[in-house]
Amino acid sequence: MEVIANKRVEQGTGASRRLRRAGKVPGIIYGAGQEPVAVVLDHNNLYHAMQQETFHASILSLNVDGKTESVLLRDAQYHPWKQIVMHVDFQRVDPNAKLHTKVPFHFINADVAPGVKLGGGIVSHVMNDADVSCLPGQLPEFIEVDLKDLQAGHSIHLSDLTLPAGVEFVALKHGDNATVATILSVRGAATEESAAA
């Protein structure tokens, strides 16, 4: 995904306010052992791009005055009540250095899981994303969580998920096999079953 930006000359609170009034968003690019660069982006283009999940979990191609850099969106500040992006931080990506970033989960087959279909349970998404460590070229857009075999009262943990080659969960490296999803038994369903018996 390509993002267009320009170098920002004016800096400071007053300059940022003027940029926002003109429909622009101030930002910064840092990392990879290079000097930070202040940039400015078009608000509407950025806002619409940020509505897409891939914008937050993919390596972006940031074009600054015609020069392209590979970056990750690291932080975004929003207005407290208006739909306005106030500031964005991008981190440069070194293709040869491992990076840590959050990747979203995509849950599939919840409707055919035995705990839902037969047990009348409800799927609870305990986590919606997780920190991974990998080289930039190996970064997945999302991680699939297949619920097709999940029974009521059972859970799927990080160690149960299949990751692409070279990608690993940061939590697992630290011994934390966190729960990703579980199927909660619904009391009413259990009562109906015992009444039928």
Protein backbone atom coordinates (compact mmCIF):
# COMPACT_ATOMS: atom_id res chain seq x y z
CA MET A 1 0.00 0.00 0.00
CA GLU A 2 1.50 3.34 -1.03
CA VAL A 3 1.20 6.46 1.12
CA ILE A 4 2.06 9.91 -0.24
CA ALA A 5 3.74 12.48 2.02
CA ASN A 6 5.83 15.64 1.80
CA LYS A 7 8.65 16.88 4.00
CA ARG A 8 7.44 19.32 6.65
CA VAL A 9 9.49 22.46 7.14
CA GLU A 10 7.43 24.30 9.76
CA GLN A 11 7.28 22.62 13.14
CA GLY A 12 5.69 23.34 16.49
CA THR A 13 2.15 23.52 17.86
CA GLY A 14 1.08 26.57 15.84
CA ALA A 15 2.36 25.08 12.58
CA SER A 16 0.60 21.76 13.30
CA ARG A 17 -2.66 23.61 13.99
CA ARG A 18 -2.39 25.48 10.68
CA LEU A 19 -1.72 22.21 8.83
CA ARG A 20 -4.79 20.55 10.37
CA ARG A 21 -6.97 23.53 9.42
CA ALA A 22 -5.71 23.08 5.84
CA GLY A 23 -6.77 19.39 5.84
CA LYS A 24 -3.28 18.01 6.49
CA VAL A 25 -1.84 15.68 9.13
CA PRO A 26 1.64 16.16 10.63
CA GLY A 27 3.72 13.02 11.07
CA ILE A 28 7.22 11.73 11.65
CA ILE A 29 9.38 8.93 10.20
CA TYR A 30 12.10 7.46 12.42
CA GLY A 31 14.28 4.39 12.90
CA ALA A 32 16.78 2.24 10.99
CA GLY A 33 19.68 4.35 12.32
CA GLN A 34 18.65 7.41 10.30
CA GLU A 35 17.61 10.90 11.32
CA PRO A 36 13.89 11.43 12.02
CA VAL A 37 12.06 13.25 9.23
CA ALA A 38 8.99 15.44 9.83
CA VAL A 39 6.33 14.91 7.15
CA VAL A 40 2.84 16.08 6.25
CA LEU A 41 0.06 13.96 4.70
CA ASP A 42 -3.37 14.64 3.22
CA HIS A 43 -5.96 14.03 5.98
CA ASN A 44 -8.77 12.52 3.89
CA ASN A 45 -6.51 10.07 2.03
CA LEU A 46 -4.85 9.01 5.28
CA TYR A 47 -8.14 8.71 7.18
CA HIS A 48 -9.69 6.44 4.53
CA ALA A 49 -6.52 4.31 4.30
CA MET A 50 -6.56 3.89 8.09
CA GLN A 51 -10.05 2.34 7.92
CA GLN A 52 -8.44 -0.70 6.26
CA GLU A 53 -7.03 -3.40 8.53
CA THR A 54 -4.02 -3.96 6.24
CA PHE A 55 -2.85 -0.37 6.78
CA HIS A 56 -2.17 -1.18 10.46
CA ALA A 57 -0.53 -4.59 9.96
CA SER A 58 1.42 -4.30 6.71
CA ILE A 59 4.65 -2.78 5.52
CA LEU A 60 3.71 0.45 3.77
CA SER A 61 5.49 2.13 0.91
CA LEU A 62 5.84 5.77 2.03
CA ASN A 63 6.60 8.17 -0.80
CA VAL A 64 8.16 11.37 0.55
CA ASP A 65 8.75 13.95 -2.19
CA GLY A 66 9.35 11.16 -4.72
CA LYS A 67 11.65 9.04 -2.50
CA THR A 68 10.10 5.78 -1.30
CA GLU A 69 10.78 4.13 2.06
CA SER A 70 9.37 0.95 3.63
CA VAL A 71 7.67 1.80 6.93
CA LEU A 72 5.24 0.50 9.56
CA LEU A 73 2.53 2.63 11.17
CA ARG A 74 3.60 2.72 14.82
CA ASP A 75 1.22 5.25 16.38
CA ALA A 76 -1.72 7.47 15.50
CA GLN A 77 -3.30 10.16 17.65
CA TYR A 78 -6.96 11.03 17.13
CA HIS A 79 -9.11 13.98 18.14
CA PRO A 80 -11.04 13.16 21.37
CA TRP A 81 -14.47 13.36 19.72
CA LYS A 82 -14.13 14.35 16.05
CA GLN A 83 -13.16 11.88 13.32
CA ILE A 84 -9.80 13.57 12.82
CA VAL A 85 -6.31 12.06 12.77
CA MET A 86 -4.06 14.48 14.70
CA HIS A 87 -0.60 12.93 14.20
CA VAL A 88 1.02 9.74 12.86
CA ASP A 89 4.34 8.01 13.56
CA PHE A 90 5.99 5.74 11.00
CA GLN A 91 8.98 3.50 11.71
CA ARG A 92 11.43 2.70 8.92
CA VAL A 93 11.84 -1.00 8.20
CA ASP A 94 15.26 -2.59 7.82
CA PRO A 95 14.74 -5.61 5.50
CA ASN A 96 17.49 -7.55 7.34
CA ALA A 97 16.36 -6.87 10.92
CA LYS A 98 13.55 -8.68 12.72
CA LEU A 99 10.62 -6.50 13.68
CA HIS A 100 7.96 -6.78 16.38
CA THR A 101 4.44 -5.76 15.44
CA LYS A 102 0.80 -6.69 16.04
CA VAL A 103 -0.96 -8.86 13.47
CA PRO A 104 -4.77 -9.27 13.52
CA PHE A 105 -6.55 -12.62 13.84
CA HIS A 106 -9.18 -13.72 11.30
CA PHE A 107 -11.61 -16.18 12.87
CA ILE A 108 -13.19 -18.75 10.53
CA ASN A 109 -15.69 -21.64 10.81
CA ALA A 110 -17.30 -20.38 14.04
CA ASP A 111 -20.73 -21.38 12.70
CA VAL A 112 -19.70 -25.04 12.20
CA ALA A 113 -17.76 -25.45 15.47
CA PRO A 114 -19.30 -28.38 17.45
CA GLY A 115 -19.51 -26.19 20.56
CA VAL A 116 -21.73 -23.73 18.66
CA LYS A 117 -23.63 -25.99 16.26
CA LEU A 118 -24.32 -28.87 18.65
CA GLY A 119 -23.75 -27.35 22.09
CA GLY A 120 -25.42 -23.98 21.48
CA GLY A 121 -22.36 -22.19 22.85
CA ILE A 122 -21.09 -18.70 22.06
CA VAL A 123 -17.62 -17.97 20.63
CA SER A 124 -15.64 -15.52 22.75
CA HIS A 125 -12.68 -13.82 21.03
CA VAL A 126 -10.25 -13.36 23.92
CA MET A 127 -7.62 -11.78 21.64
CA ASN A 128 -8.11 -9.92 18.34
CA ASP A 129 -4.42 -9.64 17.50
CA ALA A 130 -1.00 -10.68 18.80
CA ASP A 131 2.61 -9.49 18.73
CA VAL A 132 4.78 -11.36 16.27
CA SER A 133 8.48 -11.31 15.51
CA CYS A 134 9.78 -11.84 11.96
CA LEU A 135 11.74 -10.33 9.09
CA PRO A 136 9.79 -7.65 7.17
CA GLY A 137 9.45 -9.85 4.08
CA GLN A 138 7.75 -12.59 6.14
CA LEU A 139 5.15 -10.38 7.86
CA PRO A 140 1.63 -11.83 7.34
CA GLU A 141 -1.35 -9.49 6.85
CA PHE A 142 -3.37 -11.63 9.29
CA ILE A 143 -3.29 -14.96 11.14
CA GLU A 144 -6.14 -17.41 10.58
CA VAL A 145 -7.84 -18.99 13.60
CA ASP A 146 -9.89 -22.02 12.53
CA LEU A 147 -12.63 -22.86 15.05
CA LYS A 148 -14.08 -25.90 13.20
CA ASP A 149 -13.07 -28.48 15.88
CA LEU A 150 -13.71 -26.36 18.99
CA GLN A 151 -16.04 -27.90 21.60
CA ALA A 152 -18.06 -26.00 24.22
CA GLY A 153 -15.92 -25.13 27.22
CA HIS A 154 -12.69 -25.56 25.22
CA SER A 155 -10.18 -22.95 24.05
CA ILE A 156 -7.64 -22.32 21.30
CA HIS A 157 -4.23 -21.08 22.46
CA LEU A 158 -1.36 -19.39 20.62
CA SER A 159 0.53 -22.69 20.38
CA ASP A 160 -2.43 -24.23 18.49
CA LEU A 161 -2.12 -21.77 15.58
CA THR A 162 -0.11 -22.37 12.42
CA LEU A 163 2.20 -19.49 11.52
CA PRO A 164 3.99 -18.83 8.22
CA ALA A 165 7.69 -19.77 8.05
CA GLY A 166 9.94 -17.41 10.01
CA VAL A 167 7.10 -15.89 12.06
CA GLU A 168 6.81 -16.48 15.81
CA PHE A 169 4.59 -15.20 18.62
CA VAL A 170 6.48 -12.94 21.04
CA ALA A 171 4.35 -14.18 23.99
CA LEU A 172 5.22 -17.84 23.30
CA LYS A 173 8.94 -16.98 23.32
CA HIS A 174 8.37 -15.70 26.87
CA GLY A 175 6.44 -18.82 27.94
CA ASP A 176 2.96 -17.24 27.74
CA ASN A 177 0.62 -19.57 25.83
CA ALA A 178 -2.31 -17.14 25.90
CA THR A 179 -5.91 -18.07 25.06
CA VAL A 180 -7.03 -16.73 21.67
CA ALA A 181 -10.67 -17.90 21.60
CA THR A 182 -13.00 -20.05 23.65
CA ILE A 183 -16.55 -21.37 23.34
CA LEU A 184 -18.68 -20.45 26.32
CA SER A 185 -21.49 -22.84 27.27
CA VAL A 186 -24.87 -21.16 27.40
CA ARG A 187 -26.82 -22.12 30.54
CA GLY A 188 -30.18 -22.23 28.75
CA ALA A 189 -28.89 -24.74 26.18
CA ALA A 190 -27.60 -27.06 28.91
CA THR A 191 -30.95 -26.87 30.80
CA GLU A 192 -32.91 -27.69 27.63
CA GLU A 193 -30.70 -30.72 26.99
CA SER A 194 -31.17 -32.09 30.53
CA ALA A 195 -34.96 -31.44 30.34
CA ALA A 196 -35.12 -33.37 27.05
CA ALA A 197 -33.18 -36.24 28.64
